[in-house]
Amino acid sequence: MAAPKKPQDHLSKDEKTGPDLPFTFEHGGKEFSLTPPSEVMTGGFIRKNRHLSTGNQFWLLIEALSDEESLAAIDEMTQPELKAFQVDFYEHLGGVDLGESQASATS
């Protein structure tokens, strides 16, 4: 009989996500990749934008990480798609919240 699987037997989510890795998403049957967030989220970026609302911080970061094609795909997303994108993005960052609640980022 095979031994039961343990959590460490599965690939860790941390191995596929994290601020040092590109964030990827699909839209319209095509895969897009954004610049690794750690390349943009420097101390200076965070300090200079600390007074912005969470929504403004989110969009500023997305615009900084995206090329024109990725940004166009994001712009085409419906509200449910955008909400899922946002949740996935925050999870990719390792649960890092840019400020307040995630709900305000799409406002």
PDB file of N, CA and C in Angstrom:
ATOM      1  N   MET A   1       0.840  -1.184   0.000  1.00  0.00           N
ATOM      2  CA  MET A   1       0.000   0.000   0.000  1.00  0.00           C
ATOM      3  C   MET A   1       0.884   1.247   0.000  1.00  0.00           C
ATOM      4  N   ALA A   2       0.542   2.169  -0.847  1.00  0.00           N
ATOM      5  CA  ALA A   2       1.319   3.401  -0.946  1.00  0.00           C
ATOM      6  C   ALA A   2       1.085   4.279   0.269  1.00  0.00           C
ATOM      7  N   ALA A   3       2.128   4.984   0.639  1.00  0.00           N
ATOM      8  CA  ALA A   3       2.024   5.904   1.778  1.00  0.00           C
ATOM      9  C   ALA A   3       1.125   7.066   1.389  1.00  0.00           C
ATOM     10  N   PRO A   4       0.333   7.569   2.347  1.00  0.00           N
ATOM     11  CA  PRO A   4      -0.514   8.719   2.035  1.00  0.00           C
ATOM     12  C   PRO A   4       0.347   9.924   1.660  1.00  0.00           C
ATOM     13  N   LYS A   5      -0.178  10.718   0.758  1.00  0.00           N
ATOM     14  CA  LYS A   5       0.551  11.912   0.337  1.00  0.00           C
ATOM     15  C   LYS A   5       0.557  12.938   1.456  1.00  0.00           C
ATOM     16  N   LYS A   6       1.652  13.636   1.542  1.00  0.00           N
ATOM     17  CA  LYS A   6       1.816  14.698   2.537  1.00  0.00           C
ATOM     18  C   LYS A   6       1.834  16.033   1.806  1.00  0.00           C
ATOM     19  N   PRO A   7       1.503  17.109   2.507  1.00  0.00           N
ATOM     20  CA  PRO A   7       1.489  18.414   1.830  1.00  0.00           C
ATOM     21  C   PRO A   7       2.797  18.730   1.111  1.00  0.00           C
ATOM     22  N   GLN A   8       3.925  18.310   1.663  1.00  0.00           N
ATOM     23  CA  GLN A   8       5.201  18.625   1.029  1.00  0.00           C
ATOM     24  C   GLN A   8       5.423  17.835  -0.261  1.00  0.00           C
ATOM     25  N   ASP A   9       4.580  16.801  -0.524  1.00  0.00           N
ATOM     26  CA  ASP A   9       4.686  16.036  -1.758  1.00  0.00           C
ATOM     27  C   ASP A   9       4.168  16.818  -2.964  1.00  0.00           C
ATOM     28  N   HIS A  10       3.385  17.822  -2.721  1.00  0.00           N
ATOM     29  CA  HIS A  10       2.830  18.647  -3.787  1.00  0.00           C
ATOM     30  C   HIS A  10       3.749  19.833  -4.017  1.00  0.00           C
ATOM     31  N   LEU A  11       3.712  20.352  -5.216  1.00  0.00           N
ATOM     32  CA  LEU A  11       4.480  21.562  -5.476  1.00  0.00           C
ATOM     33  C   LEU A  11       3.934  22.685  -4.614  1.00  0.00           C
ATOM     34  N   SER A  12       4.813  23.363  -3.960  1.00  0.00           N
ATOM     35  CA  SER A  12       4.412  24.481  -3.120  1.00  0.00           C
ATOM     36  C   SER A  12       3.929  25.624  -3.991  1.00  0.00           C
ATOM     37  N   LYS A  13       2.860  26.277  -3.564  1.00  0.00           N
ATOM     38  CA  LYS A  13       2.365  27.444  -4.295  1.00  0.00           C
ATOM     39  C   LYS A  13       3.466  28.500  -4.366  1.00  0.00           C
ATOM     40  N   ASP A  14       4.309  28.577  -3.328  1.00  0.00           N
ATOM     41  CA  ASP A  14       5.389  29.552  -3.301  1.00  0.00           C
ATOM     42  C   ASP A  14       6.400  29.317  -4.415  1.00  0.00           C
ATOM     43  N   GLU A  15       6.472  28.086  -4.938  1.00  0.00           N
ATOM     44  CA  GLU A  15       7.400  27.796  -6.020  1.00  0.00           C
ATOM     45  C   GLU A  15       6.899  28.353  -7.342  1.00  0.00           C
ATOM     46  N   LYS A  16       5.614  28.635  -7.456  1.00  0.00           N
ATOM     47  CA  LYS A  16       5.026  29.106  -8.700  1.00  0.00           C
ATOM     48  C   LYS A  16       4.640  30.573  -8.636  1.00  0.00           C
ATOM     49  N   THR A  17       4.555  31.110  -7.450  1.00  0.00           N
ATOM     50  CA  THR A  17       4.118  32.491  -7.287  1.00  0.00           C
ATOM     51  C   THR A  17       5.089  33.225  -6.375  1.00  0.00           C
ATOM     52  N   GLY A  18       4.953  34.496  -6.339  1.00  0.00           N
ATOM     53  CA  GLY A  18       5.754  35.323  -5.454  1.00  0.00           C
ATOM     54  C   GLY A  18       6.198  36.573  -6.172  1.00  0.00           C
ATOM     55  N   PRO A  19       6.518  37.585  -5.416  1.00  0.00           N
ATOM     56  CA  PRO A  19       6.847  38.878  -6.021  1.00  0.00           C
ATOM     57  C   PRO A  19       8.097  38.864  -6.898  1.00  0.00           C
ATOM     58  N   ASP A  20       8.943  37.817  -6.769  1.00  0.00           N
ATOM     59  CA  ASP A  20      10.150  37.750  -7.600  1.00  0.00           C
ATOM     60  C   ASP A  20       9.912  37.050  -8.932  1.00  0.00           C
ATOM     61  N   LEU A  21       8.696  36.540  -9.143  1.00  0.00           N
ATOM     62  CA  LEU A  21       8.359  35.831 -10.372  1.00  0.00           C
ATOM     63  C   LEU A  21       7.329  36.619 -11.175  1.00  0.00           C
ATOM     64  N   PRO A  22       7.346  36.485 -12.498  1.00  0.00           N
ATOM     65  CA  PRO A  22       6.325  37.171 -13.299  1.00  0.00           C
ATOM     66  C   PRO A  22       4.932  36.682 -12.921  1.00  0.00           C
ATOM     67  N   PHE A  23       3.962  37.573 -12.982  1.00  0.00           N
ATOM     68  CA  PHE A  23       2.565  37.208 -12.778  1.00  0.00           C
ATOM     69  C   PHE A  23       1.987  36.904 -14.147  1.00  0.00           C
ATOM     70  N   THR A  24       1.365  35.734 -14.286  1.00  0.00           N
ATOM     71  CA  THR A  24       0.757  35.370 -15.554  1.00  0.00           C
ATOM     72  C   THR A  24      -0.752  35.239 -15.385  1.00  0.00           C
ATOM     73  N   PHE A  25      -1.465  35.537 -16.453  1.00  0.00           N
ATOM     74  CA  PHE A  25      -2.919  35.397 -16.456  1.00  0.00           C
ATOM     75  C   PHE A  25      -3.374  35.092 -17.870  1.00  0.00           C
ATOM     76  N   GLU A  26      -4.564  34.547 -17.982  1.00  0.00           N
ATOM     77  CA  GLU A  26      -5.160  34.261 -19.277  1.00  0.00           C
ATOM     78  C   GLU A  26      -6.361  35.161 -19.507  1.00  0.00           C
ATOM     79  N   HIS A  27      -6.522  35.558 -20.752  1.00  0.00           N
ATOM     80  CA  HIS A  27      -7.709  36.312 -21.142  1.00  0.00           C
ATOM     81  C   HIS A  27      -7.921  36.093 -22.630  1.00  0.00           C
ATOM     82  N   GLY A  28      -9.150  35.779 -22.999  1.00  0.00           N
ATOM     83  CA  GLY A  28      -9.464  35.554 -24.398  1.00  0.00           C
ATOM     84  C   GLY A  28      -8.681  34.401 -25.008  1.00  0.00           C
ATOM     85  N   GLY A  29      -8.357  33.404 -24.196  1.00  0.00           N
ATOM     86  CA  GLY A  29      -7.629  32.241 -24.685  1.00  0.00           C
ATOM     87  C   GLY A  29      -6.142  32.468 -24.888  1.00  0.00           C
ATOM     88  N   LYS A  30      -5.634  33.587 -24.445  1.00  0.00           N
ATOM     89  CA  LYS A  30      -4.215  33.907 -24.610  1.00  0.00           C
ATOM     90  C   LYS A  30      -3.585  34.131 -23.237  1.00  0.00           C
ATOM     91  N   GLU A  31      -2.339  33.732 -23.073  1.00  0.00           N
ATOM     92  CA  GLU A  31      -1.643  33.927 -21.801  1.00  0.00           C
ATOM     93  C   GLU A  31      -0.779  35.192 -21.867  1.00  0.00           C
ATOM     94  N   PHE A  32      -0.814  35.935 -20.781  1.00  0.00           N
ATOM     95  CA  PHE A  32      -0.043  37.170 -20.661  1.00  0.00           C
ATOM     96  C   PHE A  32       0.863  37.067 -19.439  1.00  0.00           C
ATOM     97  N   SER A  33       1.960  37.779 -19.471  1.00  0.00           N
ATOM     98  CA  SER A  33       2.901  37.765 -18.355  1.00  0.00           C
ATOM     99  C   SER A  33       3.292  39.206 -18.017  1.00  0.00           C
ATOM    100  N   LEU A  34       3.234  39.526 -16.739  1.00  0.00           N
ATOM    101  CA  LEU A  34       3.630  40.845 -16.275  1.00  0.00           C
ATOM    102  C   LEU A  34       5.033  40.770 -15.672  1.00  0.00           C
ATOM    103  N   THR A  35       5.712  41.875 -15.643  1.00  0.00           N
ATOM    104  CA  THR A  35       7.029  41.972 -15.019  1.00  0.00           C
ATOM    105  C   THR A  35       6.945  41.501 -13.575  1.00  0.00           C
ATOM    106  N   PRO A  36       7.991  40.836 -13.069  1.00  0.00           N
ATOM    107  CA  PRO A  36       7.960  40.459 -11.649  1.00  0.00           C
ATOM    108  C   PRO A  36       7.730  41.695 -10.767  1.00  0.00           C
ATOM    109  N   PRO A  37       6.734  41.644  -9.886  1.00  0.00           N
ATOM    110  CA  PRO A  37       6.418  42.805  -9.052  1.00  0.00           C
ATOM    111  C   PRO A  37       7.595  43.350  -8.255  1.00  0.00           C
ATOM    112  N   SER A  38       8.509  42.488  -7.820  1.00  0.00           N
ATOM    113  CA  SER A  38       9.635  42.964  -7.004  1.00  0.00           C
ATOM    114  C   SER A  38      10.531  43.926  -7.774  1.00  0.00           C
ATOM    115  N   GLU A  39      10.476  43.882  -9.108  1.00  0.00           N
ATOM    116  CA  GLU A  39      11.289  44.803  -9.903  1.00  0.00           C
ATOM    117  C   GLU A  39      10.750  46.231  -9.862  1.00  0.00           C
ATOM    118  N   VAL A  40       9.490  46.384  -9.510  1.00  0.00           N
ATOM    119  CA  VAL A  40       8.863  47.711  -9.471  1.00  0.00           C
ATOM    120  C   VAL A  40       8.578  48.150  -8.038  1.00  0.00           C
ATOM    121  N   MET A  41       8.206  47.189  -7.175  1.00  0.00           N
ATOM    122  CA  MET A  41       7.813  47.515  -5.797  1.00  0.00           C
ATOM    123  C   MET A  41       9.046  47.734  -4.908  1.00  0.00           C
ATOM    124  N   THR A  42       9.786  48.757  -5.237  1.00  0.00           N
ATOM    125  CA  THR A  42      10.953  49.118  -4.424  1.00  0.00           C
ATOM    126  C   THR A  42      10.495  49.958  -3.229  1.00  0.00           C
ATOM    127  N   GLY A  43      11.381  50.181  -2.315  1.00  0.00           N
ATOM    128  CA  GLY A  43      11.057  51.042  -1.181  1.00  0.00           C
ATOM    129  C   GLY A  43      10.615  52.422  -1.637  1.00  0.00           C
ATOM    130  N   GLY A  44      11.274  52.938  -2.648  1.00  0.00           N
ATOM    131  CA  GLY A  44      10.921  54.256  -3.167  1.00  0.00           C
ATOM    132  C   GLY A  44       9.544  54.285  -3.802  1.00  0.00           C
ATOM    133  N   PHE A  45       9.193  53.239  -4.549  1.00  0.00           N
ATOM    134  CA  PHE A  45       7.866  53.156  -5.170  1.00  0.00           C
ATOM    135  C   PHE A  45       6.793  53.166  -4.090  1.00  0.00           C
ATOM    136  N   ILE A  46       6.991  52.341  -3.080  1.00  0.00           N
ATOM    137  CA  ILE A  46       6.008  52.262  -1.991  1.00  0.00           C
ATOM    138  C   ILE A  46       5.938  53.582  -1.224  1.00  0.00           C
ATOM    139  N   ARG A  47       7.097  54.160  -0.912  1.00  0.00           N
ATOM    140  CA  ARG A  47       7.120  55.427  -0.173  1.00  0.00           C
ATOM    141  C   ARG A  47       6.435  56.548  -0.953  1.00  0.00           C
ATOM    142  N   LYS A  48       6.755  56.665  -2.228  1.00  0.00           N
ATOM    143  CA  LYS A  48       6.210  57.757  -3.037  1.00  0.00           C
ATOM    144  C   LYS A  48       4.702  57.635  -3.264  1.00  0.00           C
ATOM    145  N   ASN A  49       4.180  56.426  -3.159  1.00  0.00           N
ATOM    146  CA  ASN A  49       2.765  56.207  -3.448  1.00  0.00           C
ATOM    147  C   ASN A  49       1.958  55.801  -2.223  1.00  0.00           C
ATOM    148  N   ARG A  50       2.526  55.955  -1.048  1.00  0.00           N
ATOM    149  CA  ARG A  50       1.876  55.506   0.186  1.00  0.00           C
ATOM    150  C   ARG A  50       0.588  56.263   0.498  1.00  0.00           C
ATOM    151  N   HIS A  51       0.432  57.457  -0.012  1.00  0.00           N
ATOM    152  CA  HIS A  51      -0.753  58.256   0.296  1.00  0.00           C
ATOM    153  C   HIS A  51      -1.910  58.004  -0.676  1.00  0.00           C
ATOM    154  N   LEU A  52      -1.663  57.222  -1.722  1.00  0.00           N
ATOM    155  CA  LEU A  52      -2.722  56.919  -2.677  1.00  0.00           C
ATOM    156  C   LEU A  52      -3.689  55.909  -2.077  1.00  0.00           C
ATOM    157  N   SER A  53      -4.902  55.923  -2.558  1.00  0.00           N
ATOM    158  CA  SER A  53      -5.872  54.914  -2.128  1.00  0.00           C
ATOM    159  C   SER A  53      -5.399  53.549  -2.620  1.00  0.00           C
ATOM    160  N   THR A  54      -5.926  52.501  -2.032  1.00  0.00           N
ATOM    161  CA  THR A  54      -5.565  51.144  -2.438  1.00  0.00           C
ATOM    162  C   THR A  54      -5.846  50.935  -3.918  1.00  0.00           C
ATOM    163  N   GLY A  55      -6.982  51.428  -4.391  1.00  0.00           N
ATOM    164  CA  GLY A  55      -7.323  51.286  -5.807  1.00  0.00           C
ATOM    165  C   GLY A  55      -6.314  51.962  -6.702  1.00  0.00           C
ATOM    166  N   ASN A  56      -5.911  53.162  -6.352  1.00  0.00           N
ATOM    167  CA  ASN A  56      -4.915  53.868  -7.145  1.00  0.00           C
ATOM    168  C   ASN A  56      -3.558  53.165  -7.089  1.00  0.00           C
ATOM    169  N   GLN A  57      -3.183  52.642  -5.927  1.00  0.00           N
ATOM    170  CA  GLN A  57      -1.925  51.901  -5.812  1.00  0.00           C
ATOM    171  C   GLN A  57      -1.958  50.661  -6.703  1.00  0.00           C
ATOM    172  N   PHE A  58      -3.083  49.938  -6.673  1.00  0.00           N
ATOM    173  CA  PHE A  58      -3.233  48.737  -7.486  1.00  0.00           C
ATOM    174  C   PHE A  58      -3.033  49.067  -8.960  1.00  0.00           C
ATOM    175  N   TRP A  59      -3.758  50.074  -9.460  1.00  0.00           N
ATOM    176  CA  TRP A  59      -3.672  50.393 -10.870  1.00  0.00           C
ATOM    177  C   TRP A  59      -2.315  50.961 -11.259  1.00  0.00           C
ATOM    178  N   LEU A  60      -1.712  51.742 -10.406  1.00  0.00           N
ATOM    179  CA  LEU A  60      -0.374  52.261 -10.674  1.00  0.00           C
ATOM    180  C   LEU A  60       0.618  51.114 -10.830  1.00  0.00           C
ATOM    181  N   LEU A  61       0.514  50.121  -9.946  1.00  0.00           N
ATOM    182  CA  LEU A  61       1.401  48.966 -10.015  1.00  0.00           C
ATOM    183  C   LEU A  61       1.123  48.138 -11.267  1.00  0.00           C
ATOM    184  N   ILE A  62      -0.131  47.872 -11.573  1.00  0.00           N
ATOM    185  CA  ILE A  62      -0.482  47.097 -12.770  1.00  0.00           C
ATOM    186  C   ILE A  62       0.037  47.801 -14.022  1.00  0.00           C
ATOM    187  N   GLU A  63      -0.131  49.107 -14.098  1.00  0.00           N
ATOM    188  CA  GLU A  63       0.361  49.848 -15.257  1.00  0.00           C
ATOM    189  C   GLU A  63       1.880  49.798 -15.354  1.00  0.00           C
ATOM    190  N   ALA A  64       2.568  49.801 -14.216  1.00  0.00           N
ATOM    191  CA  ALA A  64       4.020  49.737 -14.208  1.00  0.00           C
ATOM    192  C   ALA A  64       4.539  48.354 -14.612  1.00  0.00           C
ATOM    193  N   LEU A  65       3.767  47.310 -14.361  1.00  0.00           N
ATOM    194  CA  LEU A  65       4.190  45.940 -14.647  1.00  0.00           C
ATOM    195  C   LEU A  65       3.790  45.456 -16.035  1.00  0.00           C
ATOM    196  N   SER A  66       2.842  46.136 -16.678  1.00  0.00           N
ATOM    197  CA  SER A  66       2.231  45.646 -17.918  1.00  0.00           C
ATOM    198  C   SER A  66       2.836  46.273 -19.152  1.00  0.00           C
ATOM    199  N   ASP A  67       2.875  45.464 -20.218  1.00  0.00           N
ATOM    200  CA  ASP A  67       3.149  46.030 -21.535  1.00  0.00           C
ATOM    201  C   ASP A  67       1.801  46.417 -22.147  1.00  0.00           C
ATOM    202  N   GLU A  68       1.830  47.004 -23.318  1.00  0.00           N
ATOM    203  CA  GLU A  68       0.592  47.495 -23.940  1.00  0.00           C
ATOM    204  C   GLU A  68      -0.413  46.372 -24.187  1.00  0.00           C
ATOM    205  N   GLU A  69       0.060  45.218 -24.641  1.00  0.00           N
ATOM    206  CA  GLU A  69      -0.830  44.101 -24.953  1.00  0.00           C
ATOM    207  C   GLU A  69      -1.497  43.556 -23.682  1.00  0.00           C
ATOM    208  N   SER A  70      -0.728  43.417 -22.609  1.00  0.00           N
ATOM    209  CA  SER A  70      -1.294  42.929 -21.343  1.00  0.00           C
ATOM    210  C   SER A  70      -2.301  43.922 -20.783  1.00  0.00           C
ATOM    211  N   LEU A  71      -1.960  45.203 -20.852  1.00  0.00           N
ATOM    212  CA  LEU A  71      -2.863  46.230 -20.339  1.00  0.00           C
ATOM    213  C   LEU A  71      -4.159  46.270 -21.150  1.00  0.00           C
ATOM    214  N   ALA A  72      -4.080  46.068 -22.450  1.00  0.00           N
ATOM    215  CA  ALA A  72      -5.288  46.030 -23.281  1.00  0.00           C
ATOM    216  C   ALA A  72      -6.175  44.848 -22.880  1.00  0.00           C
ATOM    217  N   ALA A  73      -5.556  43.694 -22.581  1.00  0.00           N
ATOM    218  CA  ALA A  73      -6.329  42.520 -22.147  1.00  0.00           C
ATOM    219  C   ALA A  73      -7.017  42.799 -20.820  1.00  0.00           C
ATOM    220  N   ILE A  74      -6.314  43.455 -19.904  1.00  0.00           N
ATOM    221  CA  ILE A  74      -6.896  43.792 -18.598  1.00  0.00           C
ATOM    222  C   ILE A  74      -8.056  44.772 -18.790  1.00  0.00           C
ATOM    223  N   ASP A  75      -7.878  45.730 -19.679  1.00  0.00           N
ATOM    224  CA  ASP A  75      -8.926  46.719 -19.946  1.00  0.00           C
ATOM    225  C   ASP A  75     -10.193  46.084 -20.509  1.00  0.00           C
ATOM    226  N   GLU A  76     -10.075  44.950 -21.189  1.00  0.00           N
ATOM    227  CA  GLU A  76     -11.228  44.264 -21.776  1.00  0.00           C
ATOM    228  C   GLU A  76     -11.982  43.395 -20.768  1.00  0.00           C
ATOM    229  N   MET A  77     -11.414  43.177 -19.589  1.00  0.00           N
ATOM    230  CA  MET A  77     -12.025  42.263 -18.617  1.00  0.00           C
ATOM    231  C   MET A  77     -13.346  42.793 -18.089  1.00  0.00           C
ATOM    232  N   THR A  78     -14.284  41.864 -17.896  1.00  0.00           N
ATOM    233  CA  THR A  78     -15.544  42.199 -17.247  1.00  0.00           C
ATOM    234  C   THR A  78     -15.284  42.342 -15.745  1.00  0.00           C
ATOM    235  N   GLN A  79     -16.257  42.857 -15.008  1.00  0.00           N
ATOM    236  CA  GLN A  79     -16.089  43.014 -13.552  1.00  0.00           C
ATOM    237  C   GLN A  79     -15.737  41.691 -12.863  1.00  0.00           C
ATOM    238  N   PRO A  80     -16.451  40.581 -13.144  1.00  0.00           N
ATOM    239  CA  PRO A  80     -16.078  39.318 -12.497  1.00  0.00           C
ATOM    240  C   PRO A  80     -14.661  38.857 -12.862  1.00  0.00           C
ATOM    241  N   GLU A  81     -14.282  39.049 -14.127  1.00  0.00           N
ATOM    242  CA  GLU A  81     -12.924  38.670 -14.544  1.00  0.00           C
ATOM    243  C   GLU A  81     -11.886  39.538 -13.843  1.00  0.00           C
ATOM    244  N   LEU A  82     -12.178  40.815 -13.737  1.00  0.00           N
ATOM    245  CA  LEU A  82     -11.252  41.741 -13.093  1.00  0.00           C
ATOM    246  C   LEU A  82     -11.099  41.425 -11.610  1.00  0.00           C
ATOM    247  N   LYS A  83     -12.202  41.091 -10.963  1.00  0.00           N
ATOM    248  CA  LYS A  83     -12.135  40.735  -9.547  1.00  0.00           C
ATOM    249  C   LYS A  83     -11.279  39.485  -9.356  1.00  0.00           C
ATOM    250  N   ALA A  84     -11.463  38.471 -10.207  1.00  0.00           N
ATOM    251  CA  ALA A  84     -10.654  37.250 -10.127  1.00  0.00           C
ATOM    252  C   ALA A  84      -9.181  37.560 -10.400  1.00  0.00           C
ATOM    253  N   PHE A  85      -8.928  38.439 -11.374  1.00  0.00           N
ATOM    254  CA  PHE A  85      -7.566  38.867 -11.687  1.00  0.00           C
ATOM    255  C   PHE A  85      -6.919  39.511 -10.464  1.00  0.00           C
ATOM    256  N   GLN A  86      -7.654  40.391  -9.825  1.00  0.00           N
ATOM    257  CA  GLN A  86      -7.138  41.104  -8.659  1.00  0.00           C
ATOM    258  C   GLN A  86      -6.824  40.138  -7.516  1.00  0.00           C
ATOM    259  N   VAL A  87      -7.735  39.209  -7.239  1.00  0.00           N
ATOM    260  CA  VAL A  87      -7.516  38.224  -6.176  1.00  0.00           C
ATOM    261  C   VAL A  87      -6.280  37.398  -6.493  1.00  0.00           C
ATOM    262  N   ASP A  88      -6.170  36.929  -7.746  1.00  0.00           N
ATOM    263  CA  ASP A  88      -5.006  36.135  -8.149  1.00  0.00           C
ATOM    264  C   ASP A  88      -3.721  36.945  -8.028  1.00  0.00           C
ATOM    265  N   PHE A  89      -3.781  38.218  -8.390  1.00  0.00           N
ATOM    266  CA  PHE A  89      -2.593  39.068  -8.314  1.00  0.00           C
ATOM    267  C   PHE A  89      -2.135  39.227  -6.865  1.00  0.00           C
ATOM    268  N   TYR A  90      -3.064  39.515  -5.959  1.00  0.00           N
ATOM    269  CA  TYR A  90      -2.697  39.658  -4.546  1.00  0.00           C
ATOM    270  C   TYR A  90      -2.154  38.344  -3.986  1.00  0.00           C
ATOM    271  N   GLU A  91      -2.739  37.213  -4.403  1.00  0.00           N
ATOM    272  CA  GLU A  91      -2.226  35.915  -3.960  1.00  0.00           C
ATOM    273  C   GLU A  91      -0.821  35.694  -4.499  1.00  0.00           C
ATOM    274  N   HIS A  92      -0.578  36.125  -5.727  1.00  0.00           N
ATOM    275  CA  HIS A  92       0.749  36.011  -6.330  1.00  0.00           C
ATOM    276  C   HIS A  92       1.786  36.770  -5.506  1.00  0.00           C
ATOM    277  N   LEU A  93       1.374  37.893  -4.986  1.00  0.00           N
ATOM    278  CA  LEU A  93       2.289  38.692  -4.164  1.00  0.00           C
ATOM    279  C   LEU A  93       2.527  38.060  -2.797  1.00  0.00           C
ATOM    280  N   GLY A  94       1.826  36.984  -2.500  1.00  0.00           N
ATOM    281  CA  GLY A  94       1.990  36.333  -1.207  1.00  0.00           C
ATOM    282  C   GLY A  94       1.074  36.922  -0.165  1.00  0.00           C
ATOM    283  N   GLY A  95      -0.075  37.432  -0.590  1.00  0.00           N
ATOM    284  CA  GLY A  95      -1.026  37.996   0.353  1.00  0.00           C
ATOM    285  C   GLY A  95      -0.726  39.434   0.728  1.00  0.00           C
ATOM    286  N   VAL A  96       0.259  40.032   0.072  1.00  0.00           N
ATOM    287  CA  VAL A  96       0.591  41.428   0.358  1.00  0.00           C
ATOM    288  C   VAL A  96      -0.573  42.291  -0.065  1.00  0.00           C
ATOM    289  N   ASP A  97      -1.052  43.104   0.839  1.00  0.00           N
ATOM    290  CA  ASP A  97      -2.132  44.030   0.519  1.00  0.00           C
ATOM    291  C   ASP A  97      -1.487  45.402   0.375  1.00  0.00           C
ATOM    292  N   LEU A  98      -1.855  46.124  -0.642  1.00  0.00           N
ATOM    293  CA  LEU A  98      -1.247  47.423  -0.895  1.00  0.00           C
ATOM    294  C   LEU A  98      -1.708  48.504   0.061  1.00  0.00           C
ATOM    295  N   GLY A  99      -2.613  48.189   0.925  1.00  0.00           N
ATOM    296  CA  GLY A  99      -3.083  49.208   1.858  1.00  0.00           C
ATOM    297  C   GLY A  99      -4.279  48.725   2.615  1.00  0.00           C
ATOM    298  N   GLU A 100      -5.462  49.110   2.132  1.00  0.00           N
ATOM    299  CA  GLU A 100      -6.695  48.765   2.816  1.00  0.00           C
ATOM    300  C   GLU A 100      -7.241  47.446   2.282  1.00  0.00           C
ATOM    301  N   SER A 101      -8.535  47.358   2.137  1.00  0.00           N
ATOM    302  CA  SER A 101      -9.153  46.116   1.672  1.00  0.00           C
ATOM    303  C   SER A 101      -9.032  45.979   0.171  1.00  0.00           C
ATOM    304  N   GLN A 102      -9.044  44.737  -0.323  1.00  0.00           N
ATOM    305  CA  GLN A 102      -8.968  44.479  -1.754  1.00  0.00           C
ATOM    306  C   GLN A 102     -10.218  44.971  -2.465  1.00  0.00           C
ATOM    307  N   ALA A 103     -11.316  45.011  -1.778  1.00  0.00           N
ATOM    308  CA  ALA A 103     -12.573  45.406  -2.399  1.00  0.00           C
ATOM    309  C   ALA A 103     -12.506  46.822  -2.957  1.00  0.00           C
ATOM    310  N   SER A 104     -11.710  47.675  -2.344  1.00  0.00           N
ATOM    311  CA  SER A 104     -11.660  49.064  -2.790  1.00  0.00           C
ATOM    312  C   SER A 104     -10.776  49.253  -4.008  1.00  0.00           C
ATOM    313  N   ALA A 105     -10.001  48.245  -4.401  1.00  0.00           N
ATOM    314  CA  ALA A 105      -9.070  48.404  -5.505  1.00  0.00           C
ATOM    315  C   ALA A 105      -9.756  48.482  -6.867  1.00  0.00           C
ATOM    316  N   THR A 106     -10.956  47.971  -6.966  1.00  0.00           N
ATOM    317  CA  THR A 106     -11.642  48.066  -8.253  1.00  0.00           C
ATOM    318  C   THR A 106     -12.609  49.235  -8.281  1.00  0.00           C
ATOM    319  N   SER A 107     -12.637  50.003  -7.219  1.00  0.00           N
ATOM    320  CA  SER A 107     -13.549  51.146  -7.150  1.00  0.00           C
ATOM    321  C   SER A 107     -13.060  52.284  -7.989  1.00  0.00           C
TER     322      SER A 107
END
